[in-house]
Amino acid sequence: MQDTGVKDRILIVEDDADINRLLCKILQRGGYFPEQAFSGTEARLMLMANTYDLVLLDLMLPGMTGEEVLDYIRNERKLPLPVIILSAKGSLKDRVGLLLDGADDYLTKPFEPEEVLAHVCAVLRRSKRVQSENGEGRETAVFTCRNLSVYPQARRAMIKEVEIPLTVHEFDILLLLIQNPDKVYSRENLYEQVWKSGYYGEDNTVNVHVSNIRKKLARADPDGEYIQTVWGIGFKMKRGI
C-alpha cells in the first residue's frame, strides 16, 4: 500500500517534562506525530482546537486531573478518539475503574519504549478497525494544490510531508477553498459555512483565520502562495506556479 505521508497524531498529556520528552521521542521513532501538553487545562485547550488520533493521558496533572480530562473527552465532547492512561497507580481497582470510565488501555509507570509503542499500535489498530466496521474512514479523497495536500477524513494538511498544525476552523476554511479551487468565497459565505451562524458584517474573524492559515502555510513553503484575495469579493485558492 502506498504511503500517503499522513502520520497518526498523538497528544501526550504528562506534567513531568522528562517523561513527556521521552514519550515524544519514542513516538517519533515509531513514526507518529506527537504533540505535548503539560497540564490538564492545556490538554483541554488543545483538544478544543485540534484533532488527534490518540491521547496518552497521565492522571496526576496540574489544572484539570487526568480523570477530568477523560470525562471531558468522553462525556462533554463525546470524542471517539482512543485514550491510553499513564499512571504509577497499578492496582486492579484503578485500572478497572478507568476502563469503565472510558479509557481504552492502561500503561503502568515505569514503562519500556517497546511497551509504549506496542500499546499505541494495538489501540490505534483496534480503533481504525471499529471505524471501518461502522462505515467511517472510507473516504480516501485527497485535495492537492502544488505542494499542499489536504486529507478530509484524517483532517490533515501537509506540505512536502510536513504537517500544518491547523485549528478546527482554519482546517474547515482551507478545505472549503481547496475543494472548490475556482470558486471565490465571500467572507459572509465562509463565516456561515464554517461557523454555521449568521454573518453581520462587523466581525473580522474570517480575515484573522485566513491570515493565520497563510502564515502557517508560508512557514512550510516560503516560496508558495496558496490563498488568493479577490479584492471586493473574498478568497480562493491560487492556482499556478
Protein backbone atom coordinates (compact mmCIF):
# COMPACT_ATOMS: atom_id res chain seq x y z
CA MET A 1 0.00 0.00 0.00
CA GLN A 2 1.36 3.43 -0.92
CA ASP A 3 2.47 5.65 1.97
CA THR A 4 0.43 8.86 1.96
CA GLY A 5 2.80 10.57 4.40
CA VAL A 6 -0.02 11.08 6.89
CA LYS A 7 1.07 10.17 10.42
CA ASP A 8 -1.19 9.37 13.35
CA ARG A 9 -1.36 12.45 15.55
CA ILE A 10 -0.95 11.70 19.26
CA LEU A 11 -1.44 14.09 22.18
CA ILE A 12 0.86 13.42 25.15
CA VAL A 13 -0.57 14.79 28.42
CA GLU A 14 2.15 14.49 31.07
CA ASP A 15 3.34 17.17 33.52
CA ASP A 16 6.77 15.58 34.13
CA ALA A 17 8.91 17.24 31.46
CA ASP A 18 11.44 14.38 31.30
CA ILE A 19 8.76 11.72 30.84
CA ASN A 20 6.93 13.90 28.31
CA ARG A 21 10.10 14.36 26.25
CA LEU A 22 10.86 10.64 26.45
CA LEU A 23 7.38 9.73 25.22
CA CYS A 24 7.72 12.26 22.42
CA LYS A 25 10.99 10.67 21.24
CA ILE A 26 9.54 7.16 21.50
CA LEU A 27 6.53 8.10 19.37
CA GLN A 28 8.63 9.95 16.80
CA ARG A 29 10.87 6.90 16.42
CA GLY A 30 7.73 4.84 15.97
CA GLY A 31 6.62 7.01 13.04
CA TYR A 32 3.94 9.00 14.87
CA PHE A 33 3.31 12.76 15.09
CA PRO A 34 3.32 13.65 18.83
CA GLU A 35 2.22 16.91 20.43
CA GLN A 36 2.84 17.80 24.07
CA ALA A 37 0.63 19.16 26.85
CA PHE A 38 1.94 19.61 30.39
CA SER A 39 -1.31 20.15 32.28
CA GLY A 40 -4.92 19.05 32.11
CA THR A 41 -6.02 22.57 31.27
CA GLU A 42 -3.57 22.81 28.37
CA ALA A 43 -4.74 19.42 27.10
CA ARG A 44 -8.35 20.61 27.15
CA LEU A 45 -7.47 23.68 25.09
CA MET A 46 -5.53 21.58 22.57
CA LEU A 47 -8.40 19.12 22.25
CA MET A 48 -10.74 22.04 21.57
CA ALA A 49 -8.52 23.40 18.80
CA ASN A 50 -7.14 20.28 17.11
CA THR A 51 -7.98 16.75 16.01
CA TYR A 52 -6.00 13.78 17.33
CA ASP A 53 -5.92 10.05 16.68
CA LEU A 54 -4.99 9.06 20.24
CA VAL A 55 -4.28 10.56 23.68
CA LEU A 56 -1.64 9.37 26.15
CA LEU A 57 -3.00 10.68 29.45
CA ASP A 58 -1.32 10.93 32.83
CA LEU A 59 -3.62 11.10 35.87
CA MET A 60 -1.88 13.41 38.33
CA LEU A 61 -1.90 16.72 36.43
CA PRO A 62 -1.99 20.39 37.39
CA GLY A 63 -5.12 22.28 36.42
CA MET A 64 -7.51 19.51 35.46
CA THR A 65 -6.76 15.98 36.64
CA GLY A 66 -6.42 13.14 34.18
CA GLU A 67 -9.79 11.80 35.28
CA GLU A 68 -11.37 15.20 34.49
CA VAL A 69 -9.72 15.28 31.06
CA LEU A 70 -11.05 11.78 30.36
CA ASP A 71 -14.53 12.91 31.43
CA TYR A 72 -14.22 15.94 29.12
CA ILE A 73 -13.26 13.69 26.19
CA ARG A 74 -15.92 11.04 26.76
CA ASN A 75 -18.89 12.87 28.28
CA GLU A 76 -18.62 16.57 27.49
CA ARG A 77 -17.20 16.43 23.97
CA LYS A 78 -18.07 12.77 23.23
CA LEU A 79 -14.89 12.42 21.19
CA PRO A 80 -14.36 8.94 19.72
CA LEU A 81 -10.55 9.06 19.87
CA PRO A 82 -8.85 6.33 21.94
CA VAL A 83 -7.23 7.17 25.30
CA ILE A 84 -4.36 5.30 26.95
CA ILE A 85 -3.88 6.07 30.64
CA LEU A 86 -0.34 6.52 32.00
CA SER A 87 -0.10 6.11 35.76
CA ALA A 88 2.02 4.85 38.62
CA LYS A 89 -1.22 3.54 40.12
CA GLY A 90 -1.25 -0.07 39.07
CA SER A 91 -3.92 -1.66 41.22
CA LEU A 92 -6.65 -3.72 39.61
CA LYS A 93 -9.30 -1.40 41.06
CA ASP A 94 -7.68 1.67 39.47
CA ARG A 95 -7.32 0.00 36.07
CA VAL A 96 -10.85 -1.36 36.01
CA GLY A 97 -12.36 1.93 37.16
CA LEU A 98 -10.66 3.94 34.44
CA LEU A 99 -11.51 1.42 31.73
CA LEU A 100 -15.15 1.60 32.81
CA ASP A 101 -14.95 5.41 32.69
CA GLY A 102 -13.94 5.31 29.03
CA ALA A 103 -10.19 4.66 28.81
CA ASP A 104 -9.14 2.22 26.09
CA ASP A 105 -5.93 0.95 27.66
CA TYR A 106 -3.70 1.39 30.70
CA LEU A 107 0.11 1.65 30.96
CA THR A 108 1.76 1.47 34.37
CA LYS A 109 4.87 3.56 35.08
CA PRO A 110 7.72 2.85 34.70
CA PHE A 111 7.39 1.55 31.16
CA GLU A 112 9.70 0.36 28.38
CA PRO A 113 9.74 2.13 24.97
CA GLU A 114 8.75 -1.06 23.17
CA GLU A 115 5.82 -1.48 25.54
CA VAL A 116 4.55 2.06 24.78
CA LEU A 117 4.75 1.50 21.02
CA ALA A 118 3.07 -1.91 21.26
CA HIS A 119 0.12 -0.49 23.22
CA VAL A 120 -0.22 2.55 20.91
CA CYS A 121 -0.09 0.37 17.79
CA ALA A 122 -2.66 -2.10 19.15
CA VAL A 123 -5.11 0.58 20.30
CA LEU A 124 -4.88 2.52 17.03
CA ARG A 125 -5.35 -0.68 15.01
CA ARG A 126 -8.41 -1.59 17.05
CA SER A 127 -9.82 1.94 16.74
CA LYS A 128 -9.40 2.01 12.97
CA ARG A 129 -11.00 -1.42 12.62
CA VAL A 130 -14.04 -0.22 14.58
CA GLN A 131 -14.27 2.92 12.41
CA SER A 132 -14.13 0.77 9.28
CA GLU A 133 -16.83 -1.57 10.58
CA ASN A 134 -19.01 1.45 11.40
CA GLY A 135 -18.62 2.78 7.89
CA GLU A 136 -16.17 5.50 8.89
CA GLY A 137 -12.80 6.11 7.33
CA ARG A 138 -13.93 5.11 3.84
CA GLU A 139 -13.16 8.47 2.34
CA THR A 140 -9.79 8.29 0.59
CA ALA A 141 -10.01 11.58 -1.28
CA VAL A 142 -7.09 13.95 -1.09
CA PHE A 143 -7.19 17.52 -2.44
CA THR A 144 -3.95 18.99 -3.72
CA CYS A 145 -2.65 22.38 -4.78
CA ARG A 146 1.02 22.30 -5.77
CA ASN A 147 2.92 21.18 -2.62
CA LEU A 148 -0.18 21.29 -0.41
CA SER A 149 -2.25 18.16 0.24
CA VAL A 150 -5.44 18.17 2.35
CA TYR A 151 -6.91 14.92 3.71
CA PRO A 152 -10.58 15.49 4.70
CA GLN A 153 -11.14 12.25 6.60
CA ALA A 154 -7.95 12.50 8.63
CA ARG A 155 -8.36 16.29 8.88
CA ARG A 156 -4.73 16.80 7.97
CA ALA A 157 -2.96 19.36 5.81
CA MET A 158 0.56 18.52 4.58
CA ILE A 159 3.21 20.44 2.66
CA LYS A 160 6.20 18.37 1.49
CA GLU A 161 5.47 15.72 4.17
CA VAL A 162 5.33 18.39 6.89
CA GLU A 163 2.01 18.57 8.74
CA ILE A 164 0.48 22.03 9.13
CA PRO A 165 -0.96 22.48 12.67
CA LEU A 166 -4.36 24.00 11.89
CA THR A 167 -7.19 24.72 14.30
CA VAL A 168 -10.63 23.26 13.59
CA HIS A 169 -11.92 26.42 11.89
CA GLU A 170 -8.69 27.02 9.98
CA PHE A 171 -8.86 23.49 8.57
CA ASP A 172 -12.53 23.92 7.60
CA ILE A 173 -11.76 27.14 5.73
CA LEU A 174 -8.80 25.61 3.88
CA LEU A 175 -10.84 22.50 2.98
CA LEU A 176 -13.65 24.62 1.52
CA LEU A 177 -11.21 26.58 -0.61
CA ILE A 178 -9.23 23.60 -1.90
CA GLN A 179 -12.35 21.51 -2.62
CA ASN A 180 -13.60 24.24 -4.97
CA PRO A 181 -10.43 25.94 -6.24
CA ASP A 182 -12.19 28.01 -8.90
CA LYS A 183 -14.83 29.38 -6.54
CA VAL A 184 -14.43 32.72 -4.81
CA TYR A 185 -15.82 32.60 -1.26
CA SER A 186 -17.02 35.82 0.30
CA ARG A 187 -16.30 36.45 3.98
CA GLU A 188 -20.01 36.09 4.64
CA ASN A 189 -20.13 32.74 2.85
CA LEU A 190 -17.09 31.38 4.70
CA TYR A 191 -18.43 32.53 8.06
CA GLU A 192 -21.84 30.96 7.50
CA GLN A 193 -20.42 27.62 6.28
CA VAL A 194 -17.64 27.27 8.88
CA TRP A 195 -19.23 28.82 11.95
CA LYS A 196 -22.78 27.74 11.00
CA SER A 197 -24.27 31.07 12.01
CA GLY A 198 -25.33 34.38 10.51
CA TYR A 199 -22.77 36.96 9.42
CA TYR A 200 -23.41 40.59 10.29
CA GLY A 201 -20.52 42.27 8.51
CA GLU A 202 -18.80 43.56 11.62
CA ASP A 203 -16.69 40.55 12.57
CA ASN A 204 -13.02 40.33 11.50
CA THR A 205 -12.94 36.62 12.38
CA VAL A 206 -12.63 35.33 8.81
CA ASN A 207 -9.77 37.70 7.94
CA VAL A 208 -7.85 36.70 11.06
CA HIS A 209 -8.27 32.97 10.37
CA VAL A 210 -7.25 33.32 6.71
CA SER A 211 -4.20 35.33 7.79
CA ASN A 212 -3.24 32.61 10.27
CA ILE A 213 -3.61 29.91 7.60
CA ARG A 214 -1.37 31.88 5.23
CA LYS A 215 1.33 32.28 7.90
CA LYS A 216 1.32 28.58 8.73
CA LEU A 217 1.48 27.53 5.06
CA ALA A 218 4.27 30.06 4.42
CA ARG A 219 6.39 28.61 7.22
CA ALA A 220 6.32 25.22 5.49
CA ASP A 221 6.60 26.60 1.94
CA PRO A 222 8.08 30.14 1.95
CA ASP A 223 8.00 30.37 -1.86
CA GLY A 224 4.39 29.24 -2.21
CA GLU A 225 1.24 31.36 -2.09
CA TYR A 226 -1.91 29.28 -1.72
CA ILE A 227 -4.77 31.61 -0.82
CA GLN A 228 -5.59 34.49 -3.12
CA THR A 229 -7.52 37.57 -2.09
CA VAL A 230 -10.05 38.65 -4.69
CA TRP A 231 -10.50 42.28 -3.77
CA GLY A 232 -14.02 43.34 -3.02
CA ILE A 233 -15.26 39.73 -3.04
CA GLY A 234 -13.33 37.31 -0.81
CA PHE A 235 -10.87 34.44 -1.10
CA LYS A 236 -10.00 31.50 -3.37
CA MET A 237 -7.20 29.00 -3.89
CA LYS A 238 -4.37 30.35 -6.01
CA ARG A 239 -3.53 28.10 -8.92
CA GLY A 240 -0.38 28.05 -11.00
CA ILE A 241 3.29 28.01 -10.14
